[in-house]
Structures are given as C-alpha cells and as structure tokens.
C-alpha atoms as a PDB file:
ATOM      1  CA  MET A   1      15.814 -17.103   6.751  1.00  0.00           C
ATOM      2  CA  ARG A   2      16.048 -16.813   2.999  1.00  0.00           C
ATOM      3  CA  ARG A   3      12.254 -17.219   2.688  1.00  0.00           C
ATOM      4  CA  ILE A   4      11.685 -14.321   5.072  1.00  0.00           C
ATOM      5  CA  PHE A   5      13.763 -12.059   2.907  1.00  0.00           C
ATOM      6  CA  GLN A   6      11.893 -13.225  -0.181  1.00  0.00           C
ATOM      7  CA  HIS A   7       8.647 -12.185   1.339  1.00  0.00           C
ATOM      8  CA  TYR A   8       9.528  -9.083   3.314  1.00  0.00           C
ATOM      9  CA  ILE A   9      11.832  -7.262   0.861  1.00  0.00           C
ATOM     10  CA  PRO A  10       9.151  -6.519  -1.784  1.00  0.00           C
ATOM     11  CA  PRO A  11       6.705  -4.677   0.503  1.00  0.00           C
ATOM     12  CA  ALA A  12       9.563  -2.944   2.379  1.00  0.00           C
ATOM     13  CA  ALA A  13      11.183  -1.754  -0.810  1.00  0.00           C
ATOM     14  CA  TYR A  14       7.829  -0.624  -2.170  1.00  0.00           C
ATOM     15  CA  MET A  15       7.197   1.330   1.027  1.00  0.00           C
ATOM     16  CA  ALA A  16      10.654   2.958   0.717  1.00  0.00           C
ATOM     17  CA  GLY A  17       9.827   3.977  -2.812  1.00  0.00           C
ATOM     18  CA  ILE A  18       6.511   5.515  -1.790  1.00  0.00           C
ATOM     19  CA  LEU A  19       8.168   7.397   1.008  1.00  0.00           C
ATOM     20  CA  TYR A  20      10.851   8.795  -1.300  1.00  0.00           C
ATOM     21  CA  LEU A  21       8.317   9.828  -3.987  1.00  0.00           C
ATOM     22  CA  SER A  22       5.997  11.314  -1.357  1.00  0.00           C
ATOM     23  CA  LEU A  23       8.672  13.437   0.395  1.00  0.00           C
ATOM     24  CA  ARG A  24      10.870  14.551  -2.452  1.00  0.00           C
ATOM     25  CA  SER A  25      10.856  18.310  -2.974  1.00  0.00           C
ATOM     26  CA  GLU A  26      10.515  18.361  -6.697  1.00  0.00           C
ATOM     27  CA  PRO A  27       7.540  20.395  -8.058  1.00  0.00           C
ATOM     28  CA  ILE A  28       4.257  18.504  -8.034  1.00  0.00           C
ATOM     29  CA  GLU A  29       3.005  17.480 -11.443  1.00  0.00           C
ATOM     30  CA  PRO A  30      -0.162  19.082 -12.805  1.00  0.00           C
ATOM     31  CA  VAL A  31      -3.264  16.763 -12.743  1.00  0.00           C
ATOM     32  CA  LEU A  32      -5.757  16.124 -15.462  1.00  0.00           C
ATOM     33  CA  PHE A  33      -8.827  16.777 -13.287  1.00  0.00           C
ATOM     34  CA  PRO A  34      -9.468  17.916  -9.730  1.00  0.00           C
ATOM     35  CA  HIS A  35      -8.432  15.210  -7.196  1.00  0.00           C
ATOM     36  CA  ALA A  36      -6.939  12.973  -9.943  1.00  0.00           C
ATOM     37  CA  ASP A  37      -4.016  12.356  -7.600  1.00  0.00           C
ATOM     38  CA  LYS A  38      -6.389  10.430  -5.276  1.00  0.00           C
ATOM     39  CA  LEU A  39      -6.493   7.692  -7.918  1.00  0.00           C
ATOM     40  CA  ASN A  40      -2.692   7.493  -7.742  1.00  0.00           C
ATOM     41  CA  HIS A  41      -2.900   7.228  -3.890  1.00  0.00           C
ATOM     42  CA  LEU A  42      -5.608   4.545  -4.110  1.00  0.00           C
ATOM     43  CA  ALA A  43      -3.670   2.462  -6.625  1.00  0.00           C
ATOM     44  CA  ALA A  44      -0.336   2.807  -4.836  1.00  0.00           C
ATOM     45  CA  TYR A  45      -1.799   1.698  -1.428  1.00  0.00           C
ATOM     46  CA  ALA A  46      -3.757  -1.092  -3.079  1.00  0.00           C
ATOM     47  CA  VAL A  47      -0.563  -2.537  -4.366  1.00  0.00           C
ATOM     48  CA  MET A  48       1.174  -2.023  -0.993  1.00  0.00           C
ATOM     49  CA  SER A  49      -1.605  -3.796   0.891  1.00  0.00           C
ATOM     50  CA  ALA A  50      -1.580  -6.711  -1.657  1.00  0.00           C
ATOM     51  CA  LEU A  51       2.158  -7.048  -1.235  1.00  0.00           C
ATOM     52  CA  TRP A  52       1.697  -7.284   2.541  1.00  0.00           C
ATOM     53  CA  MET A  53      -1.040  -9.821   2.113  1.00  0.00           C
ATOM     54  CA  ARG A  54       1.333 -11.902   0.040  1.00  0.00           C
ATOM     55  CA  THR A  55       3.936 -11.640   2.752  1.00  0.00           C
ATOM     56  CA  LEU A  56       1.717 -12.231   5.775  1.00  0.00           C
ATOM     57  CA  ILE A  57      -0.629 -14.893   4.492  1.00  0.00           C
ATOM     58  CA  VAL A  58       2.135 -17.519   4.585  1.00  0.00           C
ATOM     59  CA  ARG A  59       2.661 -16.949   8.286  1.00  0.00           C
ATOM     60  CA  THR A  60      -0.820 -16.515   9.708  1.00  0.00           C
ATOM     61  CA  THR A  61      -4.543 -16.924   8.945  1.00  0.00           C
ATOM     62  CA  ALA A  62      -6.088 -15.064   6.013  1.00  0.00           C
ATOM     63  CA  GLY A  63      -8.185 -13.018   8.400  1.00  0.00           C
ATOM     64  CA  ARG A  64      -5.214 -11.837  10.405  1.00  0.00           C
ATOM     65  CA  ALA A  65      -3.174 -11.213   7.256  1.00  0.00           C
ATOM     66  CA  LEU A  66      -6.067  -9.116   5.924  1.00  0.00           C
ATOM     67  CA  ALA A  67      -6.276  -7.005   9.037  1.00  0.00           C
ATOM     68  CA  ALA A  68      -2.552  -6.561   9.409  1.00  0.00           C
ATOM     69  CA  SER A  69      -1.967  -5.677   5.738  1.00  0.00           C
ATOM     70  CA  MET A  70      -4.686  -3.069   5.836  1.00  0.00           C
ATOM     71  CA  ALA A  71      -3.388  -1.666   9.163  1.00  0.00           C
ATOM     72  CA  ILE A  72       0.218  -1.522   8.007  1.00  0.00           C
ATOM     73  CA  SER A  73      -0.706   0.274   4.748  1.00  0.00           C
ATOM     74  CA  PHE A  74      -3.161   2.674   6.439  1.00  0.00           C
ATOM     75  CA  VAL A  75      -0.820   3.666   9.299  1.00  0.00           C
ATOM     76  CA  PHE A  76       2.128   4.080   6.857  1.00  0.00           C
ATOM     77  CA  GLY A  77      -0.116   6.262   4.609  1.00  0.00           C
ATOM     78  CA  ALA A  78      -1.180   8.396   7.519  1.00  0.00           C
ATOM     79  CA  LEU A  79       2.410   8.872   8.670  1.00  0.00           C
ATOM     80  CA  VAL A  80       3.525   9.800   5.186  1.00  0.00           C
ATOM     81  CA  GLU A  81       0.742  12.354   4.975  1.00  0.00           C
ATOM     82  CA  ALA A  82       1.803  13.845   8.338  1.00  0.00           C
ATOM     83  CA  LEU A  83       5.461  14.008   7.192  1.00  0.00           C
ATOM     84  CA  GLN A  84       4.449  15.763   4.008  1.00  0.00           C
ATOM     85  CA  SER A  85       3.468  18.784   6.153  1.00  0.00           C
ATOM     86  CA  TYR A  86       7.218  19.217   6.754  1.00  0.00           C
ATOM     87  CA  ALA A  87       8.360  18.699   3.162  1.00  0.00           C
ATOM     88  CA  PRO A  88       7.710  21.752   0.952  1.00  0.00           C
ATOM     89  CA  PRO A  89       6.130  22.066  -1.628  1.00  0.00           C
ATOM     90  CA  ARG A  90       4.138  19.075  -0.265  1.00  0.00           C
ATOM     91  CA  ASP A  91       1.345  19.365   2.200  1.00  0.00           C
ATOM     92  CA  ALA A  92      -0.707  16.923   4.390  1.00  0.00           C
ATOM     93  CA  SER A  93      -4.127  16.097   3.083  1.00  0.00           C
ATOM     94  CA  VAL A  94      -6.966  14.205   4.827  1.00  0.00           C
ATOM     95  CA  LEU A  95      -8.402  13.256   1.464  1.00  0.00           C
ATOM     96  CA  ASP A  96      -5.079  11.722   0.488  1.00  0.00           C
ATOM     97  CA  ALA A  97      -5.048   9.698   3.710  1.00  0.00           C
ATOM     98  CA  VAL A  98      -8.612   8.540   3.007  1.00  0.00           C
ATOM     99  CA  ALA A  99      -7.607   7.513  -0.585  1.00  0.00           C
ATOM    100  CA  ASN A 100      -4.634   5.611   0.982  1.00  0.00           C
ATOM    101  CA  GLY A 101      -6.976   3.776   3.333  1.00  0.00           C
ATOM    102  CA  ILE A 102      -9.511   2.888   0.628  1.00  0.00           C
ATOM    103  CA  GLY A 103      -6.669   1.618  -1.495  1.00  0.00           C
ATOM    104  CA  ALA A 104      -5.371  -0.499   1.316  1.00  0.00           C
ATOM    105  CA  VAL A 105      -8.775  -2.157   1.812  1.00  0.00           C
ATOM    106  CA  ILE A 106      -9.278  -2.774  -1.956  1.00  0.00           C
ATOM    107  CA  GLY A 107      -5.709  -4.224  -2.306  1.00  0.00           C
ATOM    108  CA  ALA A 108      -6.032  -6.599   0.620  1.00  0.00           C
ATOM    109  CA  TYR A 109      -9.499  -7.881  -0.329  1.00  0.00           C
ATOM    110  CA  ALA A 110      -8.482  -8.192  -4.045  1.00  0.00           C
ATOM    111  CA  PHE A 111      -5.527 -10.289  -3.092  1.00  0.00           C
ATOM    112  CA  LYS A 112      -7.657 -12.480  -0.784  1.00  0.00           C
ATOM    113  CA  ILE A 113     -10.268 -13.033  -3.477  1.00  0.00           C
ATOM    114  CA  PHE A 114      -7.714 -13.643  -6.213  1.00  0.00           C
ATOM    115  CA  LYS A 115      -5.808 -16.111  -3.952  1.00  0.00           C
ATOM    116  CA  ALA A 116      -8.994 -17.987  -3.176  1.00  0.00           C
ATOM    117  CA  ARG A 117      -9.909 -18.388  -6.851  1.00  0.00           C
ATOM    118  CA  VAL A 118      -6.425 -19.380  -8.090  1.00  0.00           C
ATOM    119  CA  LYS A 119      -5.371 -22.837  -7.091  1.00  0.00           C
ATOM    120  CA  PRO A 120      -1.635 -23.642  -6.825  1.00  0.00           C
ATOM    121  CA  ALA A 121      -0.255 -25.947  -9.540  1.00  0.00           C
ATOM    122  CA  GLY A 122      -1.098 -29.572  -8.853  1.00  0.00           C
ATOM    123  CA  GLU A 123      -4.347 -28.849  -7.055  1.00  0.00           C
ATOM    124  CA  ALA A 124      -7.685 -29.607  -8.620  1.00  0.00           C
END
C-alpha cells in the first residue's frame, strides 16, 4: 500500500498544481513572443507524462505505460482547456491543447528512452 502512495502521489499532486495554476483568476502574465506560452504547456505536460510513466511502468508493460501516460496527460490537458472557458480571464485554446498533447508524447517517450539507457545499480 505504501508503495502505491509513493508512486501515485507525485503525478496526482502535479496535476492538482497544474489545475490550480490553469484555473486561477489572476491576470495572465505577458509573454516574450507570440505563442511563448505553448512552450510552457509543452514542458508542463511532458513532465506530467513522465511522472505517469514512472508510476505506471512498475505495474504494467512499457507499451501500456506509454499509452496510458500519454492518454491520461492528454485527456487531463483537454479537460483543463475546456474548464478554462469558464474561468475568466482564461479562455480555452485548441493550440494549448495541441501543445499539451505534444508535451505528453515527448515526456512519455523521453522517460522510456532514458529508462532503457540507465541501468539500475548492480546491473551491468
């Protein structure tokens, strides 16, 4: 039971943080260049997807963990974007949802590649 909490709390807490930051009604920060916020979306959802990979890969195959982590991150990102249409001054954006999805794919594959190249201590 303790192991479940160790694995599931980080991605769940991260998702709660993203939800809070995405729906808060404080003014939106100015950006350096047009669509710069898409890089933030991409990075945030890459981290989320990697956290889900870390959680799921211990319970299932790498392929299933890959698909599930991308699906969880993408669906969550789409739902957050939809909710933003009800949270002024926020608004829903298809481009943000696309950036979320791309980030989810990058994060899951990056974790899979990194995990394959790094051997646990004691293995040759």
